[in-house]
PDB file of N, CA and C in Angstrom:
ATOM      1  N   MET A   1     169.035 184.175  97.216  1.00  0.00           N
ATOM      2  CA  MET A   1     167.857 184.985  97.122  1.00  0.00           C
ATOM      3  C   MET A   1     167.438 185.902  97.974  1.00  0.00           C
ATOM      4  N   LYS A   2     167.281 186.979  98.817  1.00  0.00           N
ATOM      5  CA  LYS A   2     167.148 187.728  99.981  1.00  0.00           C
ATOM      6  C   LYS A   2     165.716 187.479 100.078  1.00  0.00           C
ATOM      7  N   GLY A   3     164.661 187.769  98.843  1.00  0.00           N
ATOM      8  CA  GLY A   3     163.167 187.721  98.947  1.00  0.00           C
ATOM      9  C   GLY A   3     162.992 186.342  99.315  1.00  0.00           C
ATOM     10  N   ASN A   4     163.636 185.477  98.951  1.00  0.00           N
ATOM     11  CA  ASN A   4     163.142 184.064  99.287  1.00  0.00           C
ATOM     12  C   ASN A   4     163.294 183.810 100.632  1.00  0.00           C
ATOM     13  N   ARG A   5     164.942 183.975 100.874  1.00  0.00           N
ATOM     14  CA  ARG A   5     165.023 183.548 102.368  1.00  0.00           C
ATOM     15  C   ARG A   5     164.146 184.367 103.309  1.00  0.00           C
ATOM     16  N   GLU A   6     163.595 185.793 102.930  1.00  0.00           N
ATOM     17  CA  GLU A   6     162.718 186.394 103.775  1.00  0.00           C
ATOM     18  C   GLU A   6     161.489 185.955 103.856  1.00  0.00           C
ATOM     19  N   ILE A   7     160.637 185.324 102.773  1.00  0.00           N
ATOM     20  CA  ILE A   7     159.556 184.819 102.480  1.00  0.00           C
ATOM     21  C   ILE A   7     159.347 183.024 103.431  1.00  0.00           C
ATOM     22  N   GLU A   8     160.751 182.377 103.332  1.00  0.00           N
ATOM     23  CA  GLU A   8     160.840 181.325 104.278  1.00  0.00           C
ATOM     24  C   GLU A   8     161.061 181.536 105.699  1.00  0.00           C
ATOM     25  N   ASN A   9     161.132 182.960 106.065  1.00  0.00           N
ATOM     26  CA  ASN A   9     161.725 183.149 107.615  1.00  0.00           C
ATOM     27  C   ASN A   9     160.097 183.680 107.896  1.00  0.00           C
ATOM     28  N   ARG A  10     159.525 184.226 107.087  1.00  0.00           N
ATOM     29  CA  ARG A  10     158.297 184.590 107.497  1.00  0.00           C
ATOM     30  C   ARG A  10     156.936 183.601 107.698  1.00  0.00           C
ATOM     31  N   LYS A  11     157.315 182.201 107.125  1.00  0.00           N
ATOM     32  CA  LYS A  11     156.705 181.008 106.956  1.00  0.00           C
ATOM     33  C   LYS A  11     155.905 181.498 108.508  1.00  0.00           C
ATOM     34  N   PRO A  12     156.367 180.906 109.070  1.00  0.00           N
ATOM     35  CA  PRO A  12     156.474 180.771 110.754  1.00  0.00           C
ATOM     36  C   PRO A  12     155.224 181.164 111.096  1.00  0.00           C
ATOM     37  N   ILE A  13     155.523 182.776 110.574  1.00  0.00           N
ATOM     38  CA  ILE A  13     154.899 184.021 111.588  1.00  0.00           C
ATOM     39  C   ILE A  13     153.747 184.150 110.877  1.00  0.00           C
ATOM     40  N   TRP A  14     153.524 183.900 109.290  1.00  0.00           N
ATOM     41  CA  TRP A  14     152.459 183.605 108.754  1.00  0.00           C
ATOM     42  C   TRP A  14     151.494 183.132 109.307  1.00  0.00           C
ATOM     43  N   ILE A  15     151.872 181.372 109.181  1.00  0.00           N
ATOM     44  CA  ILE A  15     150.808 180.362 109.822  1.00  0.00           C
ATOM     45  C   ILE A  15     150.065 181.024 111.287  1.00  0.00           C
ATOM     46  N   ALA A  16     151.324 181.665 112.716  1.00  0.00           N
ATOM     47  CA  ALA A  16     151.194 182.109 113.686  1.00  0.00           C
ATOM     48  C   ALA A  16     149.864 183.022 113.815  1.00  0.00           C
ATOM     49  N   LEU A  17     150.256 184.003 112.956  1.00  0.00           N
ATOM     50  CA  LEU A  17     149.213 185.502 112.951  1.00  0.00           C
ATOM     51  C   LEU A  17     148.427 184.904 112.430  1.00  0.00           C
ATOM     52  N   SER A  18     147.981 183.848 111.207  1.00  0.00           N
ATOM     53  CA  SER A  18     146.439 183.429 111.251  1.00  0.00           C
ATOM     54  C   SER A  18     145.665 182.928 112.519  1.00  0.00           C
ATOM     55  N   GLN A  19     146.263 182.482 113.100  1.00  0.00           N
ATOM     56  CA  GLN A  19     145.300 182.321 114.248  1.00  0.00           C
ATOM     57  C   GLN A  19     144.688 183.081 115.142  1.00  0.00           C
ATOM     58  N   PHE A  20     145.499 184.578 114.828  1.00  0.00           N
ATOM     59  CA  PHE A  20     144.575 185.676 115.174  1.00  0.00           C
ATOM     60  C   PHE A  20     142.755 186.125 114.330  1.00  0.00           C
ATOM     61  N   TYR A  21     143.052 185.614 113.066  1.00  0.00           N
ATOM     62  CA  TYR A  21     142.036 185.269 112.060  1.00  0.00           C
ATOM     63  C   TYR A  21     140.748 184.525 112.077  1.00  0.00           C
ATOM     64  N   LEU A  22     141.058 183.318 112.982  1.00  0.00           N
ATOM     65  CA  LEU A  22     139.781 182.359 112.991  1.00  0.00           C
ATOM     66  C   LEU A  22     138.661 182.291 113.884  1.00  0.00           C
ATOM     67  N   ASP A  23     137.616 182.350 113.682  1.00  0.00           N
ATOM     68  CA  ASP A  23     136.656 182.464 114.207  1.00  0.00           C
ATOM     69  C   ASP A  23     136.163 181.593 115.473  1.00  0.00           C
ATOM     70  N   SER A  24     137.234 181.790 116.372  1.00  0.00           N
ATOM     71  CA  SER A  24     137.354 180.730 117.178  1.00  0.00           C
ATOM     72  C   SER A  24     138.477 182.044 118.505  1.00  0.00           C
ATOM     73  N   GLU A  25     137.979 181.616 119.618  1.00  0.00           N
ATOM     74  CA  GLU A  25     138.657 181.946 120.810  1.00  0.00           C
ATOM     75  C   GLU A  25     139.967 181.345 120.631  1.00  0.00           C
ATOM     76  N   LEU A  26     141.235 182.005 120.940  1.00  0.00           N
ATOM     77  CA  LEU A  26     142.519 181.536 121.371  1.00  0.00           C
ATOM     78  C   LEU A  26     142.678 181.349 122.896  1.00  0.00           C
ATOM     79  N   THR A  27     143.542 180.060 122.903  1.00  0.00           N
ATOM     80  CA  THR A  27     143.549 179.734 124.815  1.00  0.00           C
ATOM     81  C   THR A  27     144.724 180.314 125.401  1.00  0.00           C
ATOM     82  N   SER A  28     145.428 180.014 126.176  1.00  0.00           N
ATOM     83  CA  SER A  28     146.308 180.797 127.038  1.00  0.00           C
ATOM     84  C   SER A  28     147.574 179.574 126.256  1.00  0.00           C
ATOM     85  N   ASP A  29     147.617 178.712 125.906  1.00  0.00           N
ATOM     86  CA  ASP A  29     148.334 177.694 125.342  1.00  0.00           C
ATOM     87  C   ASP A  29     148.693 178.448 123.892  1.00  0.00           C
ATOM     88  N   ASP A  30     147.534 178.390 123.404  1.00  0.00           N
ATOM     89  CA  ASP A  30     147.847 178.852 121.970  1.00  0.00           C
ATOM     90  C   ASP A  30     148.565 180.264 121.803  1.00  0.00           C
ATOM     91  N   PHE A  31     148.422 181.283 122.763  1.00  0.00           N
ATOM     92  CA  PHE A  31     149.137 182.814 123.064  1.00  0.00           C
ATOM     93  C   PHE A  31     150.300 182.383 123.294  1.00  0.00           C
ATOM     94  N   ASP A  32     150.911 181.469 123.819  1.00  0.00           N
ATOM     95  CA  ASP A  32     152.143 180.930 124.494  1.00  0.00           C
ATOM     96  C   ASP A  32     153.022 180.577 123.180  1.00  0.00           C
ATOM     97  N   ARG A  33     151.924 179.739 122.536  1.00  0.00           N
ATOM     98  CA  ARG A  33     152.846 179.074 120.956  1.00  0.00           C
ATOM     99  C   ARG A  33     153.154 179.993 120.557  1.00  0.00           C
ATOM    100  N   ILE A  34     152.342 180.932 120.192  1.00  0.00           N
ATOM    101  CA  ILE A  34     152.404 182.434 119.035  1.00  0.00           C
ATOM    102  C   ILE A  34     153.421 183.176 119.128  1.00  0.00           C
ATOM    103  N   ALA A  35     153.622 183.496 120.906  1.00  0.00           N
ATOM    104  CA  ALA A  35     154.844 184.278 121.329  1.00  0.00           C
ATOM    105  C   ALA A  35     156.261 183.776 121.250  1.00  0.00           C
ATOM    106  N   ILE A  36     156.578 182.134 121.233  1.00  0.00           N
ATOM    107  CA  ILE A  36     157.494 181.712 121.318  1.00  0.00           C
ATOM    108  C   ILE A  36     157.716 181.689 119.411  1.00  0.00           C
ATOM    109  N   ILE A  37     156.996 181.239 118.522  1.00  0.00           N
ATOM    110  CA  ILE A  37     157.195 181.298 117.405  1.00  0.00           C
ATOM    111  C   ILE A  37     157.998 183.096 117.521  1.00  0.00           C
ATOM    112  N   PHE A  38     157.201 184.074 117.740  1.00  0.00           N
ATOM    113  CA  PHE A  38     157.245 185.618 117.364  1.00  0.00           C
ATOM    114  C   PHE A  38     158.872 185.572 118.004  1.00  0.00           C
ATOM    115  N   GLN A  39     159.284 184.806 119.034  1.00  0.00           N
ATOM    116  CA  GLN A  39     160.511 185.377 119.472  1.00  0.00           C
ATOM    117  C   GLN A  39     161.506 184.069 119.125  1.00  0.00           C
ATOM    118  N   LYS A  40     161.553 183.483 118.532  1.00  0.00           N
ATOM    119  CA  LYS A  40     162.339 182.531 118.050  1.00  0.00           C
ATOM    120  C   LYS A  40     162.353 183.199 116.351  1.00  0.00           C
ATOM    121  N   SER A  41     161.652 184.024 115.922  1.00  0.00           N
ATOM    122  CA  SER A  41     161.741 185.057 114.745  1.00  0.00           C
ATOM    123  C   SER A  41     163.002 185.926 114.610  1.00  0.00           C
ATOM    124  N   GLY A  42     163.108 186.551 115.868  1.00  0.00           N
ATOM    125  CA  GLY A  42     164.166 187.423 116.502  1.00  0.00           C
ATOM    126  C   GLY A  42     163.779 188.595 116.079  1.00  0.00           C
ATOM    127  N   LEU A  43     162.321 188.647 115.452  1.00  0.00           N
ATOM    128  CA  LEU A  43     161.997 190.217 115.086  1.00  0.00           C
ATOM    129  C   LEU A  43     161.155 190.540 116.190  1.00  0.00           C
ATOM    130  N   HIS A  44     161.461 192.324 116.026  1.00  0.00           N
ATOM    131  CA  HIS A  44     160.949 193.706 116.801  1.00  0.00           C
ATOM    132  C   HIS A  44     159.508 193.085 117.100  1.00  0.00           C
ATOM    133  N   ILE A  45     158.616 193.511 118.325  1.00  0.00           N
ATOM    134  CA  ILE A  45     157.305 193.411 118.014  1.00  0.00           C
ATOM    135  C   ILE A  45     156.740 194.457 116.792  1.00  0.00           C
ATOM    136  N   GLN A  46     157.382 195.519 116.488  1.00  0.00           N
ATOM    137  CA  GLN A  46     156.810 196.307 115.524  1.00  0.00           C
ATOM    138  C   GLN A  46     157.189 196.009 114.368  1.00  0.00           C
ATOM    139  N   ASP A  47     157.862 195.044 113.920  1.00  0.00           N
ATOM    140  CA  ASP A  47     158.414 194.737 113.057  1.00  0.00           C
ATOM    141  C   ASP A  47     157.128 193.238 112.587  1.00  0.00           C
ATOM    142  N   LEU A  48     156.462 192.294 113.902  1.00  0.00           N
ATOM    143  CA  LEU A  48     155.985 191.239 113.846  1.00  0.00           C
ATOM    144  C   LEU A  48     154.276 192.331 113.409  1.00  0.00           C
ATOM    145  N   LYS A  49     154.171 193.504 114.060  1.00  0.00           N
ATOM    146  CA  LYS A  49     152.884 194.083 113.427  1.00  0.00           C
ATOM    147  C   LYS A  49     153.061 194.548 112.312  1.00  0.00           C
ATOM    148  N   GLN A  50     153.816 194.910 111.292  1.00  0.00           N
ATOM    149  CA  GLN A  50     154.030 195.046 110.453  1.00  0.00           C
ATOM    150  C   GLN A  50     153.655 194.074 109.726  1.00  0.00           C
ATOM    151  N   ILE A  51     154.252 192.920 109.545  1.00  0.00           N
ATOM    152  CA  ILE A  51     153.951 191.438 108.843  1.00  0.00           C
ATOM    153  C   ILE A  51     152.278 191.531 108.909  1.00  0.00           C
ATOM    154  N   ASP A  52     151.908 191.364 110.201  1.00  0.00           N
ATOM    155  CA  ASP A  52     150.527 191.297 110.200  1.00  0.00           C
ATOM    156  C   ASP A  52     149.819 192.484 109.289  1.00  0.00           C
ATOM    157  N   LEU A  53     149.770 193.344 109.353  1.00  0.00           N
ATOM    158  CA  LEU A  53     149.313 194.558 108.775  1.00  0.00           C
ATOM    159  C   LEU A  53     149.607 194.553 107.206  1.00  0.00           C
ATOM    160  N   MET A  54     150.419 194.397 106.781  1.00  0.00           N
ATOM    161  CA  MET A  54     150.643 194.462 105.250  1.00  0.00           C
ATOM    162  C   MET A  54     150.562 192.506 104.201  1.00  0.00           C
ATOM    163  N   GLU A  55     150.584 191.831 105.331  1.00  0.00           N
ATOM    164  CA  GLU A  55     151.004 190.392 104.728  1.00  0.00           C
ATOM    165  C   GLU A  55     149.439 189.786 105.228  1.00  0.00           C
ATOM    166  N   VAL A  56     148.733 189.803 106.389  1.00  0.00           N
ATOM    167  CA  VAL A  56     148.160 188.733 106.845  1.00  0.00           C
ATOM    168  C   VAL A  56     146.480 189.459 106.989  1.00  0.00           C
ATOM    169  N   PHE A  57     146.935 190.636 107.572  1.00  0.00           N
ATOM    170  CA  PHE A  57     145.710 191.071 107.546  1.00  0.00           C
ATOM    171  C   PHE A  57     144.600 192.050 106.059  1.00  0.00           C
ATOM    172  N   PRO A  58     145.425 191.983 105.453  1.00  0.00           N
ATOM    173  CA  PRO A  58     144.590 191.954 103.824  1.00  0.00           C
ATOM    174  C   PRO A  58     144.175 190.499 103.622  1.00  0.00           C
ATOM    175  N   LEU A  59     144.435 189.428 103.813  1.00  0.00           N
ATOM    176  CA  LEU A  59     143.875 188.459 103.333  1.00  0.00           C
ATOM    177  C   LEU A  59     142.945 187.668 104.053  1.00  0.00           C
ATOM    178  N   LEU A  60     143.204 187.725 105.732  1.00  0.00           N
ATOM    179  CA  LEU A  60     142.143 186.965 106.252  1.00  0.00           C
ATOM    180  C   LEU A  60     141.498 188.045 107.047  1.00  0.00           C
ATOM    181  N   GLN A  61     141.347 189.290 107.093  1.00  0.00           N
ATOM    182  CA  GLN A  61     140.463 190.318 107.716  1.00  0.00           C
ATOM    183  C   GLN A  61     139.178 189.936 107.901  1.00  0.00           C
ATOM    184  N   ARG A  62     138.682 189.363 106.075  1.00  0.00           N
ATOM    185  CA  ARG A  62     137.350 188.961 105.834  1.00  0.00           C
ATOM    186  C   ARG A  62     136.424 187.599 106.913  1.00  0.00           C
ATOM    187  N   ASN A  63     137.714 187.078 107.154  1.00  0.00           N
ATOM    188  CA  ASN A  63     136.860 185.651 107.718  1.00  0.00           C
ATOM    189  C   ASN A  63     136.131 186.194 109.410  1.00  0.00           C
ATOM    190  N   LEU A  64     136.363 187.168 109.873  1.00  0.00           N
ATOM    191  CA  LEU A  64     136.181 187.266 111.055  1.00  0.00           C
ATOM    192  C   LEU A  64     135.123 188.622 111.328  1.00  0.00           C
ATOM    193  N   LEU A  65     134.836 188.582 109.466  1.00  0.00           N
ATOM    194  CA  LEU A  65     133.127 189.689 109.361  1.00  0.00           C
ATOM    195  C   LEU A  65     132.156 188.559 108.857  1.00  0.00           C
ATOM    196  N   SER A  66     132.661 187.078 108.501  1.00  0.00           N
ATOM    197  CA  SER A  66     131.949 186.036 107.732  1.00  0.00           C
ATOM    198  C   SER A  66     130.984 185.326 109.044  1.00  0.00           C
ATOM    199  N   ILE A  67     130.033 185.045 108.662  1.00  0.00           N
ATOM    200  CA  ILE A  67     129.219 184.375 109.544  1.00  0.00           C
ATOM    201  C   ILE A  67     129.665 183.057 109.672  1.00  0.00           C
ATOM    202  N   SER A  68     129.752 182.736 108.490  1.00  0.00           N
ATOM    203  CA  SER A  68     130.584 180.990 108.911  1.00  0.00           C
ATOM    204  C   SER A  68     132.152 181.378 108.380  1.00  0.00           C
ATOM    205  N   GLY A  69     132.852 181.677 109.016  1.00  0.00           N
ATOM    206  CA  GLY A  69     134.270 182.283 108.961  1.00  0.00           C
ATOM    207  C   GLY A  69     134.869 180.536 109.570  1.00  0.00           C
ATOM    208  N   VAL A  70     135.988 180.602 108.638  1.00  0.00           N
ATOM    209  CA  VAL A  70     136.776 179.558 109.275  1.00  0.00           C
ATOM    210  C   VAL A  70     137.317 179.733 110.681  1.00  0.00           C
ATOM    211  N   TRP A  71     136.874 178.071 111.222  1.00  0.00           N
ATOM    212  CA  TRP A  71     137.334 178.076 113.010  1.00  0.00           C
ATOM    213  C   TRP A  71     138.463 177.710 113.106  1.00  0.00           C
ATOM    214  N   ALA A  72     138.747 176.617 112.080  1.00  0.00           N
ATOM    215  CA  ALA A  72     139.883 175.307 112.976  1.00  0.00           C
ATOM    216  C   ALA A  72     141.204 176.006 111.874  1.00  0.00           C
ATOM    217  N   ASP A  73     141.626 175.863 111.069  1.00  0.00           N
ATOM    218  CA  ASP A  73     142.920 176.228 110.558  1.00  0.00           C
ATOM    219  C   ASP A  73     142.593 176.413 109.273  1.00  0.00           C
ATOM    220  N   PHE A  74     143.430 177.800 108.455  1.00  0.00           N
ATOM    221  CA  PHE A  74     143.396 177.778 107.107  1.00  0.00           C
ATOM    222  C   PHE A  74     144.645 176.819 106.698  1.00  0.00           C
ATOM    223  N   ASP A  75     144.307 176.804 105.412  1.00  0.00           N
ATOM    224  CA  ASP A  75     144.752 175.503 104.257  1.00  0.00           C
ATOM    225  C   ASP A  75     146.168 176.504 104.331  1.00  0.00           C
ATOM    226  N   GLU A  76     146.881 175.389 104.743  1.00  0.00           N
ATOM    227  CA  GLU A  76     148.592 175.992 104.607  1.00  0.00           C
ATOM    228  C   GLU A  76     149.091 176.658 103.636  1.00  0.00           C
ATOM    229  N   VAL A  77     148.959 175.668 102.456  1.00  0.00           N
ATOM    230  CA  VAL A  77     149.502 176.067 101.478  1.00  0.00           C
ATOM    231  C   VAL A  77     148.734 177.242 100.355  1.00  0.00           C
ATOM    232  N   TRP A  78     147.497 177.183 100.445  1.00  0.00           N
ATOM    233  CA  TRP A  78     146.512 178.561 100.275  1.00  0.00           C
ATOM    234  C   TRP A  78     147.275 179.435 100.946  1.00  0.00           C
ATOM    235  N   LEU A  79     147.060 179.521 102.480  1.00  0.00           N
ATOM    236  CA  LEU A  79     147.926 180.604 103.186  1.00  0.00           C
ATOM    237  C   LEU A  79     149.402 181.302 103.330  1.00  0.00           C
ATOM    238  N   LEU A  80     150.197 180.097 102.538  1.00  0.00           N
ATOM    239  CA  LEU A  80     151.328 180.763 102.645  1.00  0.00           C
ATOM    240  C   LEU A  80     151.399 181.199 101.292  1.00  0.00           C
ATOM    241  N   SER A  81     151.166 180.641 100.297  1.00  0.00           N
ATOM    242  CA  SER A  81     151.165 181.267  98.564  1.00  0.00           C
ATOM    243  C   SER A  81     150.473 182.907  98.789  1.00  0.00           C
ATOM    244  N   GLU A  82     149.825 183.344  99.828  1.00  0.00           N
ATOM    245  CA  GLU A  82     148.753 184.269  99.411  1.00  0.00           C
ATOM    246  C   GLU A  82     149.811 185.132 100.228  1.00  0.00           C
ATOM    247  N   CYS A  83     149.814 184.880 101.407  1.00  0.00           N
ATOM    248  CA  CYS A  83     151.080 186.105 102.138  1.00  0.00           C
ATOM    249  C   CYS A  83     152.071 186.547 101.237  1.00  0.00           C
ATOM    250  N   ALA A  84     152.589 185.339 100.539  1.00  0.00           N
ATOM    251  CA  ALA A  84     154.043 185.473  99.697  1.00  0.00           C
ATOM    252  C   ALA A  84     153.622 186.857  98.962  1.00  0.00           C
ATOM    253  N   LYS A  85     152.567 186.483  98.003  1.00  0.00           N
ATOM    254  CA  LYS A  85     152.314 187.841  97.139  1.00  0.00           C
ATOM    255  C   LYS A  85     151.643 188.825  98.027  1.00  0.00           C
ATOM    256  N   ARG A  86     151.337 188.737  99.162  1.00  0.00           N
ATOM    257  CA  ARG A  86     151.386 190.288  99.652  1.00  0.00           C
ATOM    258  C   ARG A  86     152.769 190.681 100.035  1.00  0.00           C
ATOM    259  N   TYR A  87     153.671 189.885 100.338  1.00  0.00           N
ATOM    260  CA  TYR A  87     155.000 190.109 100.966  1.00  0.00           C
ATOM    261  C   TYR A  87     155.510 191.045  99.430  1.00  0.00           C
ATOM    262  N   GLN A  88     155.028 190.809  98.407  1.00  0.00           N
ATOM    263  CA  GLN A  88     155.881 191.427  97.573  1.00  0.00           C
ATOM    264  C   GLN A  88     155.228 192.488  97.362  1.00  0.00           C
ATOM    265  N   ARG A  89     153.812 192.704  97.782  1.00  0.00           N
ATOM    266  CA  ARG A  89     152.817 194.191  97.120  1.00  0.00           C
ATOM    267  C   ARG A  89     153.839 195.110  98.353  1.00  0.00           C
ATOM    268  N   ARG A  90     154.013 195.075  99.696  1.00  0.00           N
ATOM    269  CA  ARG A  90     154.059 195.569 100.370  1.00  0.00           C
ATOM    270  C   ARG A  90     155.030 196.722 100.870  1.00  0.00           C
ATOM    271  N   GLU A  91     155.740 197.268  99.343  1.00  0.00           N
ATOM    272  CA  GLU A  91     156.468 198.732  99.207  1.00  0.00           C
ATOM    273  C   GLU A  91     155.644 199.278  98.367  1.00  0.00           C
ATOM    274  N   ASN A  92     154.726 198.807  98.043  1.00  0.00           N
ATOM    275  CA  ASN A  92     153.698 199.600  96.770  1.00  0.00           C
ATOM    276  C   ASN A  92     152.726 200.884  97.881  1.00  0.00           C
ATOM    277  N   ILE A  93     153.002 202.056  97.641  1.00  0.00           N
ATOM    278  CA  ILE A  93     152.443 203.041  98.457  1.00  0.00           C
ATOM    279  C   ILE A  93     151.044 202.870  98.439  1.00  0.00           C
ATOM    280  N   PHE A  94     150.247 202.258  97.394  1.00  0.00           N
ATOM    281  CA  PHE A  94     148.636 202.488  97.201  1.00  0.00           C
ATOM    282  C   PHE A  94     148.174 200.906  97.803  1.00  0.00           C
ATOM    283  N   TYR A  95     148.679 200.235  97.938  1.00  0.00           N
ATOM    284  CA  TYR A  95     148.815 198.828  98.857  1.00  0.00           C
ATOM    285  C   TYR A  95     148.905 199.437 100.510  1.00  0.00           C
ATOM    286  N   ARG A  96     150.077 199.804 100.605  1.00  0.00           N
ATOM    287  CA  ARG A  96     150.339 200.256 102.034  1.00  0.00           C
ATOM    288  C   ARG A  96     149.254 201.405 103.005  1.00  0.00           C
ATOM    289  N   LEU A  97     148.691 202.384 101.848  1.00  0.00           N
ATOM    290  CA  LEU A  97     147.375 202.932 102.176  1.00  0.00           C
ATOM    291  C   LEU A  97     146.239 202.353 102.342  1.00  0.00           C
ATOM    292  N   ASN A  98     145.730 201.451 101.011  1.00  0.00           N
ATOM    293  CA  ASN A  98     145.117 200.839 101.478  1.00  0.00           C
ATOM    294  C   ASN A  98     144.696 199.837 103.062  1.00  0.00           C
ATOM    295  N   CYS A  99     146.161 198.994 103.189  1.00  0.00           N
ATOM    296  CA  CYS A  99     145.899 198.769 104.069  1.00  0.00           C
ATOM    297  C   CYS A  99     145.968 199.502 105.720  1.00  0.00           C
ATOM    298  N   ARG A 100     146.258 200.306 105.419  1.00  0.00           N
ATOM    299  CA  ARG A 100     146.642 201.219 106.865  1.00  0.00           C
ATOM    300  C   ARG A 100     144.999 201.813 106.862  1.00  0.00           C
ATOM    301  N   PHE A 101     144.406 202.303 105.766  1.00  0.00           N
ATOM    302  CA  PHE A 101     143.034 202.494 105.877  1.00  0.00           C
ATOM    303  C   PHE A 101     142.124 201.363 106.362  1.00  0.00           C
ATOM    304  N   TRP A 102     141.993 200.464 105.870  1.00  0.00           N
ATOM    305  CA  TRP A 102     141.204 199.470 106.597  1.00  0.00           C
ATOM    306  C   TRP A 102     141.690 198.827 107.866  1.00  0.00           C
ATOM    307  N   ASN A 103     142.730 199.083 108.191  1.00  0.00           N
ATOM    308  CA  ASN A 103     143.176 198.698 110.077  1.00  0.00           C
ATOM    309  C   ASN A 103     142.557 199.675 110.774  1.00  0.00           C
ATOM    310  N   GLN A 104     142.291 200.725 110.535  1.00  0.00           N
ATOM    311  CA  GLN A 104     142.011 201.866 111.306  1.00  0.00           C
ATOM    312  C   GLN A 104     140.329 201.350 111.699  1.00  0.00           C
ATOM    313  N   PHE A 105     139.507 200.620 110.939  1.00  0.00           N
ATOM    314  CA  PHE A 105     138.296 200.125 111.247  1.00  0.00           C
ATOM    315  C   PHE A 105     138.295 198.770 111.734  1.00  0.00           C
ATOM    316  N   PHE A 106     139.307 197.940 111.521  1.00  0.00           N
ATOM    317  CA  PHE A 106     139.332 196.792 112.305  1.00  0.00           C
ATOM    318  C   PHE A 106     140.333 196.446 112.773  1.00  0.00           C
ATOM    319  N   TYR A 107     141.402 197.254 112.887  1.00  0.00           N
ATOM    320  CA  TYR A 107     142.236 197.073 114.495  1.00  0.00           C
ATOM    321  C   TYR A 107     141.787 196.178 115.764  1.00  0.00           C
ATOM    322  N   TRP A 108     140.509 196.872 116.092  1.00  0.00           N
ATOM    323  CA  TRP A 108     139.957 196.482 117.539  1.00  0.00           C
ATOM    324  C   TRP A 108     139.408 194.975 117.521  1.00  0.00           C
ATOM    325  N   MET A 109     139.692 194.311 116.092  1.00  0.00           N
ATOM    326  CA  MET A 109     139.044 192.766 116.351  1.00  0.00           C
ATOM    327  C   MET A 109     140.274 192.111 116.855  1.00  0.00           C
ATOM    328  N   ARG A 110     141.494 192.614 116.668  1.00  0.00           N
ATOM    329  CA  ARG A 110     142.586 191.943 117.126  1.00  0.00           C
ATOM    330  C   ARG A 110     143.490 192.393 118.399  1.00  0.00           C
ATOM    331  N   ARG A 111     143.488 193.789 118.546  1.00  0.00           N
ATOM    332  CA  ARG A 111     144.154 194.388 119.626  1.00  0.00           C
ATOM    333  C   ARG A 111     144.143 194.011 120.921  1.00  0.00           C
ATOM    334  N   ASP A 112     143.610 193.225 121.634  1.00  0.00           N
ATOM    335  CA  ASP A 112     143.605 192.163 122.683  1.00  0.00           C
ATOM    336  C   ASP A 112     144.807 191.357 122.386  1.00  0.00           C
ATOM    337  N   TYR A 113     144.310 190.370 121.403  1.00  0.00           N
ATOM    338  CA  TYR A 113     145.465 188.916 120.916  1.00  0.00           C
ATOM    339  C   TYR A 113     146.655 190.106 121.413  1.00  0.00           C
ATOM    340  N   TRP A 114     147.360 191.151 120.388  1.00  0.00           N
ATOM    341  CA  TRP A 114     148.265 191.638 120.216  1.00  0.00           C
ATOM    342  C   TRP A 114     148.903 192.377 121.420  1.00  0.00           C
ATOM    343  N   ASN A 115     147.865 192.931 122.696  1.00  0.00           N
ATOM    344  CA  ASN A 115     148.408 193.345 124.165  1.00  0.00           C
ATOM    345  C   ASN A 115     148.753 191.993 124.953  1.00  0.00           C
ATOM    346  N   ILE A 116     147.822 190.680 124.509  1.00  0.00           N
ATOM    347  CA  ILE A 116     148.516 188.974 125.514  1.00  0.00           C
ATOM    348  C   ILE A 116     149.801 189.166 124.703  1.00  0.00           C
ATOM    349  N   ILE A 117     150.254 189.215 123.498  1.00  0.00           N
ATOM    350  CA  ILE A 117     151.200 188.943 123.339  1.00  0.00           C
ATOM    351  C   ILE A 117     152.599 189.602 123.144  1.00  0.00           C
ATOM    352  N   GLU A 118     152.197 190.544 123.699  1.00  0.00           N
ATOM    353  CA  GLU A 118     153.564 191.955 124.053  1.00  0.00           C
ATOM    354  C   GLU A 118     153.896 191.755 125.376  1.00  0.00           C
ATOM    355  N   GLN A 119     152.496 191.032 125.957  1.00  0.00           N
ATOM    356  CA  GLN A 119     152.635 191.001 127.564  1.00  0.00           C
ATOM    357  C   GLN A 119     153.598 189.675 127.687  1.00  0.00           C
ATOM    358  N   LYS A 120     153.259 188.277 126.863  1.00  0.00           N
ATOM    359  CA  LYS A 120     154.123 187.266 127.267  1.00  0.00           C
ATOM    360  C   LYS A 120     155.554 187.346 126.252  1.00  0.00           C
ATOM    361  N   MET A 121     155.959 188.618 125.293  1.00  0.00           N
ATOM    362  CA  MET A 121     157.115 188.430 125.050  1.00  0.00           C
ATOM    363  C   MET A 121     158.067 189.481 126.208  1.00  0.00           C
ATOM    364  N   ASN A 122     157.336 190.464 126.752  1.00  0.00           N
ATOM    365  CA  ASN A 122     157.988 191.289 127.412  1.00  0.00           C
ATOM    366  C   ASN A 122     158.268 190.713 128.865  1.00  0.00           C
ATOM    367  N   LYS A 123     157.680 189.014 129.028  1.00  0.00           N
ATOM    368  CA  LYS A 123     157.963 188.522 130.464  1.00  0.00           C
ATOM    369  C   LYS A 123     159.854 187.991 130.319  1.00  0.00           C
TER     370      LYS A 123
END
């Protein structure tokens, strides 16, 4: 089934993207590791940004706004399960509009991370 294959292919991407939402600073080694995962996926940077926008951002953005947010790692079973739910909703127009609306206010919190990743992937 294509959907199941897509979800399996997205799992390492979801885990890597979740690092953008931790309440801690990423290191150069973290960015190198994330860039390698993204490159291995074979997806274009715009596709990776769409996965972030539609499948990870709606789930984890609140962590960056929390005073006592998660700073180490998110529970992987929970993360993958919840991202898979959002993957299933990504074609719903109301869901997409909602994600884009909130992204207008909060993209600045991960913009620098995407800039670093793009530089590393373009080397």
